[in-house]
Protein backbone atom coordinates (compact mmCIF):
# COMPACT_ATOMS: atom_id res chain seq x y z
CA MET A 1 -10.55 33.64 -5.43
CA LYS A 2 -9.86 31.41 -8.42
CA PRO A 3 -10.19 33.00 -11.85
CA ALA A 4 -13.30 32.09 -13.84
CA HIS A 5 -11.29 30.20 -16.46
CA ALA A 6 -9.53 27.98 -13.91
CA PRO A 7 -10.24 24.23 -13.89
CA ALA A 8 -12.32 22.84 -11.05
CA HIS A 9 -9.33 21.58 -9.07
CA ARG A 10 -5.79 22.90 -8.55
CA ILE A 11 -3.20 20.22 -7.87
CA GLY A 12 0.16 20.34 -6.11
CA VAL A 13 2.86 17.67 -6.16
CA ILE A 14 5.34 16.91 -3.35
CA GLY A 15 8.53 15.11 -4.35
CA ASP A 16 11.95 14.68 -2.78
CA SER A 17 14.64 13.69 -5.28
CA THR A 18 17.33 13.85 -2.62
CA HIS A 19 16.16 10.27 -1.93
CA PRO A 20 15.80 7.42 -4.47
CA ARG A 21 12.49 6.53 -6.12
CA SER A 22 10.79 9.79 -5.32
CA TYR A 23 8.52 9.44 -8.37
CA GLY A 24 8.71 5.70 -8.90
CA HIS A 25 5.04 4.78 -9.29
CA GLY A 26 3.82 7.78 -11.23
CA ILE A 27 1.86 9.33 -8.37
CA HIS A 28 2.73 12.77 -9.76
CA LEU A 29 1.21 11.80 -13.13
CA ALA A 30 -2.14 10.68 -11.74
CA TRP A 31 -3.85 13.99 -12.60
CA VAL A 32 -2.45 14.32 -16.12
CA GLY A 33 -5.17 14.19 -18.77
CA LEU A 34 -8.07 14.84 -16.41
CA PRO A 35 -10.06 17.88 -17.62
CA GLN A 36 -11.30 18.67 -14.11
CA ALA A 37 -7.78 19.01 -12.70
CA GLU A 38 -4.61 20.98 -13.40
CA VAL A 39 -1.20 20.49 -11.79
CA VAL A 40 -0.17 24.04 -10.95
CA ALA A 41 2.88 23.48 -8.72
CA LEU A 42 5.55 20.99 -7.71
CA SER A 43 7.93 21.06 -4.76
CA ASP A 44 11.23 19.20 -4.56
CA PRO A 45 14.33 20.17 -2.55
CA ASP A 46 16.57 18.93 -5.39
CA PRO A 47 16.78 21.82 -7.90
CA GLY A 48 17.99 19.44 -10.58
CA ALA A 49 14.64 17.64 -10.51
CA HIS A 50 12.40 20.66 -10.93
CA ALA A 51 12.37 21.10 -14.70
CA LEU A 52 12.17 17.38 -15.50
CA ARG A 53 9.41 16.51 -13.07
CA ALA A 54 7.43 19.68 -13.71
CA ALA A 55 7.50 18.93 -17.44
CA GLU A 56 6.28 15.38 -16.82
CA CYS A 57 3.19 16.44 -14.88
CA GLY A 58 2.66 19.90 -16.41
CA ALA A 59 3.34 21.92 -13.27
CA ARG A 60 3.63 25.64 -14.05
CA ARG A 61 5.59 26.62 -10.93
CA THR A 62 8.20 24.86 -8.82
CA TYR A 63 9.31 25.27 -5.22
CA ALA A 64 12.23 23.96 -3.18
CA ASP A 65 10.08 23.65 -0.04
CA HIS A 66 6.64 22.06 0.15
CA ARG A 67 5.50 24.44 2.88
CA GLU A 68 6.27 27.41 0.65
CA MET A 69 4.21 25.80 -2.10
CA LEU A 70 1.29 25.09 0.25
CA ALA A 71 1.34 28.68 1.50
CA ALA A 72 1.63 30.30 -1.93
CA GLU A 73 -0.80 28.16 -3.91
CA ASP A 74 -4.53 27.73 -3.40
CA LEU A 75 -4.46 23.96 -3.77
CA ASP A 76 -7.41 21.60 -3.76
CA PHE A 77 -5.47 18.32 -3.90
CA VAL A 78 -1.87 17.19 -3.39
CA SER A 79 0.04 14.10 -4.51
CA ILE A 80 2.75 12.91 -2.10
CA CYS A 81 5.06 10.83 -4.28
CA PRO A 82 8.27 9.71 -2.51
CA HIS A 83 9.06 6.24 -1.30
CA TYR A 84 11.00 7.99 1.47
CA TYR A 85 8.63 7.17 4.32
CA ALA A 86 10.28 9.14 7.12
CA ARG A 87 8.53 12.33 5.98
CA HIS A 88 5.13 10.93 4.96
CA ALA A 89 3.44 11.92 8.23
CA GLU A 90 5.05 15.38 8.12
CA TRP A 91 3.88 16.01 4.57
CA LEU A 92 0.38 14.73 5.32
CA HIS A 93 -0.01 16.95 8.39
CA ASP A 94 1.27 19.99 6.49
CA CYS A 95 -1.20 19.38 3.64
CA ILE A 96 -4.08 18.93 6.10
CA ALA A 97 -3.13 22.14 7.91
CA ALA A 98 -3.01 23.98 4.57
CA GLY A 99 -6.68 23.23 4.01
CA VAL A 100 -6.57 20.98 0.94
CA LYS A 101 -9.61 18.84 0.15
CA GLY A 102 -7.78 15.59 -0.51
CA ILE A 103 -4.38 13.91 -0.69
CA TYR A 104 -3.05 11.01 -2.78
CA VAL A 105 -0.07 9.43 -1.02
CA GLU A 106 2.38 6.62 -1.81
CA LYS A 107 2.03 3.51 0.33
CA PRO A 108 2.54 2.74 3.12
CA MET A 109 0.81 5.90 4.27
CA THR A 110 3.10 6.26 7.30
CA ARG A 111 5.98 4.43 8.95
CA THR A 112 4.10 3.50 12.13
CA LEU A 113 0.59 2.98 13.39
CA ALA A 114 1.01 5.86 15.82
CA GLU A 115 1.77 8.18 12.91
CA ALA A 116 -1.22 6.81 11.01
CA ASP A 117 -3.54 7.29 13.99
CA ALA A 118 -2.47 10.94 14.31
CA VAL A 119 -2.87 11.60 10.57
CA ILE A 120 -6.35 10.04 10.52
CA ALA A 121 -7.44 12.08 13.54
CA ALA A 122 -6.19 15.32 11.96
CA ALA A 123 -7.70 14.54 8.56
CA GLU A 124 -11.10 13.62 9.97
CA ALA A 125 -11.18 16.73 12.16
CA ALA A 126 -10.43 18.90 9.11
CA GLY A 127 -12.67 16.99 6.69
CA VAL A 128 -9.73 16.02 4.45
CA ARG A 129 -9.92 12.78 2.45
CA ILE A 130 -6.82 10.64 1.92
CA ALA A 131 -6.33 8.09 -0.86
CA VAL A 132 -3.40 5.66 -0.52
CA ALA A 133 -1.64 4.04 -3.48
CA HIS A 134 -2.90 0.49 -3.08
CA GLN A 135 -3.97 0.92 -6.69
CA TRP A 136 -3.97 -2.57 -8.11
CA GLY A 137 -5.80 -4.20 -5.23
CA ARG A 138 -8.66 -1.72 -5.26
CA TYR A 139 -9.06 -0.43 -8.83
CA LEU A 140 -7.97 -3.12 -11.31
CA PRO A 141 -10.94 -4.62 -13.20
CA ASN A 142 -9.36 -8.10 -12.96
CA LEU A 143 -9.59 -7.97 -9.18
CA ASP A 144 -13.06 -6.43 -9.13
CA ALA A 145 -14.15 -9.42 -11.24
CA LEU A 146 -12.40 -11.85 -8.91
CA ARG A 147 -14.03 -10.37 -5.80
CA ALA A 148 -17.43 -10.63 -7.50
CA GLN A 149 -16.85 -14.29 -8.36
CA VAL A 150 -15.74 -15.08 -4.81
CA ARG A 151 -18.85 -13.34 -3.43
CA ASP A 152 -21.01 -15.29 -5.87
CA GLY A 153 -19.63 -18.62 -4.62
CA ARG A 154 -17.60 -19.51 -7.71
CA ILE A 155 -14.94 -21.16 -5.51
CA GLY A 156 -17.36 -22.24 -2.79
CA ASP A 157 -17.03 -21.08 0.80
CA LEU A 158 -13.83 -19.06 1.24
CA GLN A 159 -11.36 -20.88 3.51
CA VAL A 160 -7.73 -19.79 3.21
CA MET A 161 -5.36 -17.38 1.44
CA ARG A 162 -1.63 -17.92 0.90
CA GLY A 163 0.44 -14.86 0.04
CA HIS A 164 4.05 -13.95 -0.57
CA GLY A 165 6.16 -10.95 -1.46
CA LYS A 166 8.62 -10.47 -4.29
CA CYS A 167 11.26 -12.38 -2.35
CA ASP A 168 14.03 -10.58 -4.20
CA ALA A 169 17.06 -8.83 -2.69
CA ARG A 170 14.68 -6.84 -0.49
CA GLY A 171 12.99 -9.96 0.86
CA GLY A 172 11.90 -10.23 4.47
CA PRO A 173 10.63 -7.25 6.47
CA HIS A 174 11.72 -4.73 3.81
CA ASP A 175 9.58 -6.58 1.26
CA VAL A 176 6.63 -6.25 3.63
CA PHE A 177 6.79 -2.47 3.19
CA VAL A 178 7.63 -2.53 -0.52
CA LEU A 179 4.83 -4.85 -1.63
CA GLY A 180 3.43 -6.70 1.37
CA THR A 181 0.91 -3.99 2.22
CA HIS A 182 -0.54 -4.39 -1.30
CA VAL A 183 -1.13 -8.08 -0.55
CA PHE A 184 -2.59 -7.39 2.89
CA ASP A 185 -4.91 -4.70 1.56
CA LEU A 186 -6.19 -7.04 -1.14
CA MET A 187 -6.64 -9.87 1.37
CA ARG A 188 -8.78 -7.58 3.52
CA SER A 189 -10.85 -6.53 0.49
CA ILE A 190 -11.76 -10.21 0.06
CA ALA A 191 -11.96 -11.58 3.62
CA GLY A 192 -12.67 -8.55 5.81
CA ASP A 193 -11.02 -7.46 9.06
CA VAL A 194 -8.25 -9.38 10.84
CA ALA A 195 -8.72 -10.62 14.43
CA TRP A 196 -5.26 -11.99 15.28
CA VAL A 197 -1.73 -12.41 13.87
CA ALA A 198 1.15 -14.77 14.63
CA GLY A 199 4.52 -13.91 13.11
CA GLN A 200 8.08 -15.12 12.86
CA VAL A 201 11.14 -13.18 11.66
CA ARG A 202 14.54 -14.79 11.07
CA ARG A 203 18.04 -13.76 10.03
CA ASN A 204 20.08 -16.35 8.09
CA GLY A 205 17.72 -18.98 9.46
CA ARG A 206 18.32 -18.15 13.12
CA GLN A 207 16.29 -16.33 15.75
CA LEU A 208 16.75 -12.58 15.91
CA THR A 209 18.58 -10.69 18.59
CA ALA A 210 18.53 -6.97 19.34
CA ALA A 211 21.92 -6.70 17.61
CA ASP A 212 20.21 -7.55 14.29
CA ILE A 213 18.04 -4.43 14.40
CA HIS A 214 19.25 -1.67 12.08
CA ASP A 215 17.90 1.42 10.33
CA GLY A 216 15.93 0.21 7.34
CA PRO A 217 16.17 1.74 3.85
CA GLU A 218 13.93 4.46 2.41
CA GLY A 219 13.32 6.01 5.82
CA ILE A 220 11.23 3.03 6.94
CA GLY A 221 12.70 2.99 10.43
CA PRO A 222 14.18 0.07 12.40
CA LEU A 223 14.10 -3.33 10.67
CA ALA A 224 15.66 -6.74 11.19
CA GLY A 225 15.80 -10.07 9.43
CA ASP A 226 15.78 -11.46 5.90
CA GLN A 227 12.84 -13.83 6.27
CA VAL A 228 9.33 -13.24 7.60
CA PHE A 229 6.28 -15.45 8.00
CA GLY A 230 2.84 -14.51 9.24
CA ALA A 231 -0.41 -16.33 9.97
CA PHE A 232 -3.64 -14.34 10.11
CA GLY A 233 -7.11 -15.08 11.43
CA PHE A 234 -9.99 -13.03 10.05
CA HIS A 235 -13.25 -12.32 11.86
CA SER A 236 -14.98 -14.00 8.91
CA GLY A 237 -13.34 -17.32 9.85
CA VAL A 238 -10.91 -17.24 6.93
CA THR A 239 -7.22 -17.85 7.67
CA ALA A 240 -4.23 -16.64 5.67
CA THR A 241 -0.45 -16.86 5.53
CA PHE A 242 2.23 -14.59 4.12
CA HIS A 243 5.95 -15.15 3.66
CA SER A 244 8.93 -13.35 2.20
CA PHE A 245 12.60 -14.25 2.10
CA ALA A 246 15.62 -12.56 0.56
CA ASP A 247 16.81 -14.10 -2.71
CA PRO A 248 18.73 -11.66 -4.93
CA ALA A 249 18.36 -13.97 -7.93
CA ALA A 250 14.57 -14.35 -7.58
CA ALA A 251 12.07 -13.34 -10.22
CA THR A 252 10.47 -10.01 -9.42
CA GLN A 253 6.96 -10.50 -10.81
CA THR A 254 5.68 -13.29 -8.56
CA VAL A 255 4.24 -11.20 -5.73
CA GLY A 256 0.67 -12.16 -4.99
CA PHE A 257 -1.40 -14.89 -3.37
CA GLU A 258 -3.87 -17.73 -3.81
CA VAL A 259 -7.44 -17.79 -2.55
CA TRP A 260 -8.93 -21.22 -1.82
CA GLY A 261 -12.51 -22.23 -1.11
CA THR A 262 -14.43 -25.47 -0.72
CA ARG A 263 -14.95 -25.84 -4.49
CA GLY A 264 -12.00 -24.11 -6.13
CA GLY A 265 -9.32 -21.48 -5.99
CA ALA A 266 -7.90 -18.35 -7.55
CA SER A 267 -4.41 -17.00 -8.15
CA ILE A 268 -3.36 -13.33 -8.20
CA ARG A 269 0.11 -12.51 -9.56
CA ASN A 270 2.20 -9.70 -11.00
CA GLY A 271 0.41 -6.77 -9.44
CA GLY A 272 -2.99 -8.19 -10.32
CA ALA A 273 -2.17 -8.41 -14.02
CA GLU A 274 -2.37 -12.22 -13.89
CA VAL A 275 -5.55 -13.54 -12.28
CA ALA A 276 -6.94 -17.04 -12.83
CA LEU A 277 -9.53 -19.43 -11.39
CA TYR A 278 -9.09 -23.15 -10.66
CA PRO A 279 -12.12 -25.48 -10.71
CA LEU A 280 -11.14 -27.80 -7.84
CA PRO A 281 -10.26 -27.17 -4.18
CA ALA A 282 -6.66 -28.38 -4.57
CA VAL A 283 -4.05 -28.57 -7.32
CA ARG A 284 -2.89 -32.15 -7.88
CA PRO A 285 -0.46 -33.59 -10.46
CA GLN A 286 -2.02 -35.11 -13.59
CA GLN A 287 -5.52 -34.01 -12.72
CA ASP A 288 -7.56 -34.60 -15.90
CA GLY A 289 -9.61 -31.67 -17.11
CA ALA A 290 -8.52 -29.25 -14.38
CA ARG A 291 -7.07 -26.07 -15.85
CA TRP A 292 -6.45 -22.54 -14.67
CA THR A 293 -8.89 -20.16 -16.41
CA PRO A 294 -7.62 -16.59 -16.72
CA ILE A 295 -9.67 -13.56 -15.72
CA ASP A 296 -8.64 -10.86 -18.14
CA GLU A 297 -10.73 -7.72 -17.80
CA PRO A 298 -9.41 -4.89 -19.98
CA VAL A 299 -8.46 -1.47 -18.66
CA TYR A 300 -9.89 1.36 -20.76
CA ASP A 301 -8.97 5.02 -20.95
CA ARG A 302 -11.46 7.82 -20.40
CA HIS A 303 -12.55 7.56 -24.03
CA GLY A 304 -13.17 3.81 -24.03
CA ARG A 305 -9.93 2.75 -25.69
CA LYS A 306 -8.31 -0.46 -24.46
CA LEU A 307 -4.94 0.14 -22.82
CA SER A 308 -1.75 -1.91 -22.53
CA GLY A 309 1.69 -1.68 -20.94
CA ASP A 310 2.61 1.38 -18.90
CA ALA A 311 -0.62 3.12 -19.90
CA ILE A 312 -2.50 0.74 -17.60
CA GLY A 313 -0.57 1.94 -14.55
CA GLN A 314 -1.23 5.55 -15.53
CA ARG A 315 -4.95 4.88 -15.90
CA ILE A 316 -5.17 3.05 -12.56
CA ASN A 317 -3.60 6.09 -10.88
CA GLN A 318 -6.18 8.24 -12.66
CA LEU A 319 -8.95 6.03 -11.30
CA VAL A 320 -7.64 6.57 -7.77
CA VAL A 321 -7.71 10.37 -8.01
CA GLU A 322 -11.03 10.37 -9.85
CA ASP A 323 -12.41 8.40 -6.92
CA LEU A 324 -10.72 10.80 -4.49
CA MET A 325 -12.32 13.83 -6.15
CA ALA A 326 -15.72 12.13 -6.15
CA ALA A 327 -15.28 11.11 -2.50
CA CYS A 328 -14.63 14.72 -1.50
CA ALA A 329 -17.69 15.91 -3.42
CA GLN A 330 -19.90 13.19 -1.93
CA GLY A 331 -18.61 13.36 1.65
CA ARG A 332 -17.30 9.78 1.74
CA ASP A 333 -13.93 8.05 1.94
CA PRO A 334 -12.23 6.90 -1.27
CA VAL A 335 -12.11 3.16 -1.87
CA SER A 336 -8.41 3.00 -0.99
CA ASN A 337 -8.49 5.18 2.10
CA ALA A 338 -6.43 6.01 5.17
CA ARG A 339 -8.17 3.52 7.45
CA SER A 340 -7.87 0.58 5.06
CA ALA A 341 -4.20 1.45 4.46
CA THR A 342 -3.58 1.58 8.20
CA ALA A 343 -5.24 -1.81 8.63
CA ALA A 344 -2.88 -3.26 6.00
CA LEU A 345 0.13 -1.72 7.75
CA GLU A 346 -1.16 -3.13 11.02
CA MET A 347 -1.00 -6.67 9.59
CA ALA A 348 2.68 -6.07 8.80
CA MET A 349 3.50 -4.56 12.18
CA ALA A 350 1.65 -7.35 13.96
CA MET A 351 4.00 -9.95 12.46
CA PHE A 352 6.95 -8.04 13.88
CA GLU A 353 5.26 -7.51 17.24
CA SER A 354 4.39 -11.22 17.47
CA GLU A 355 8.07 -12.05 16.98
CA ARG A 356 9.01 -9.53 19.66
CA VAL A 357 6.57 -10.81 22.30
CA GLN A 358 6.79 -14.46 21.19
CA ARG A 359 3.03 -15.04 21.03
CA ARG A 360 -0.02 -14.41 18.91
CA VAL A 361 -1.23 -10.80 19.05
CA ALA A 362 -4.73 -9.37 18.78
CA ILE A 363 -5.95 -6.71 16.37
CA PRO A 364 -6.22 -3.78 17.02
CA LEU A 365 -2.57 -3.93 17.96
CA ALA A 366 -1.73 -2.43 21.35
CA THR A 367 1.81 -1.47 20.25
CA ARG A 368 1.44 1.45 17.85
CA GLU A 369 5.16 2.22 17.46
CA ASN A 370 7.56 0.20 15.33
CA PRO A 371 7.98 -3.13 17.20
CA PHE A 372 11.68 -3.26 16.32
CA ALA A 373 12.17 0.18 17.87
CA VAL A 374 10.35 -0.98 21.01
CA TRP A 375 12.49 -4.11 21.08
CA LYS A 376 15.69 -2.08 20.69
CA SER A 377 14.80 0.29 23.54
CA HIS A 378 12.89 -1.98 25.95
CA GLY A 379 14.00 -5.49 25.10
CA ARG A 380 12.16 -8.53 23.86
CA GLU A 381 9.38 -10.26 25.74
CA THR A 382 9.73 -13.99 26.18
CA GLY A 383 7.07 -16.62 26.73
CA ASN A 384 7.31 -16.20 30.52
CA GLY A 385 6.64 -12.45 30.27
CA ARG A 386 10.20 -11.42 31.14
CA GLY A 387 12.19 -9.34 28.69
CA GLU A 388 15.51 -10.09 27.11
CA GLY A 389 17.81 -8.00 24.93
């Protein structure tokens, strides 16, 4: 039984500083400053991280093992922070089994669709709600305003979206995991569910072979290639493209996409911080009177003060967990939920599967494991249906 003076919700944090970027996007700080929540414990197998990370989020106790923390603490919610994706499914299942109400997890939620399917089944059976850190696509006021203007016909009938990743040193399939799922999730929030995907993956401009497949960074699993392109058809009739290529000298704030309709367009850049509308259906040189018009909706703190800089990211994380707590109380899914995150991951995996089987693939995707792992173990399908290594 919780003491009478305890806050409404007890929070635990799972980190793993034995791998890089375990706390990179401030997932552990999401609960800080919320009067209805208190971070009571943090787990991290790296003892050198305990004091620093606990001080950052206010955790009163630290543990070297997350299972020990889950067993010892009566937790309501847990933040799963690491970019190290190999253990996401493990951590999620352990939190669900421990009886928490909700979980906030770094994206992508899992490495594979099979892992995501199993997590969703376990969470739904236990009544646990999962929020996934597609923060900017789902909670930024700029993008809420854009979606409203698209729905209201400001750019006419929606026709096509053109997206790309950061295209930095991590460009290609790695970029798809790092930032591509943000783009896919936002595309789906505008155009709805995807019906089919056609993808192409290349290495140094040439077609892939099984020898190109290697273990990807951050526990992602098998990856290959330094360039990826995907075409998507939505049930709504909208089409979209996405590309990413490796360029170590590239700018790192260009990730985003354009939305084009019959009367105009919109541009989303820099994590949704730069959003603008265009009054014509195509950009042409020396077009008199046609200018991009910014959408700049402020982000406010809980007390109505306008925020800037890093404080915006902190507040967006707060909005996610506030929504998660409300979702648990109301018996609904949070806005950025496990199923929407899985659908975004499925768009990524479908590009890889299309390259493997050399044809367009339907959604839901039949292959639920990593397509590169399937390719490595069973070969590649060619256009005539026969496999090759």
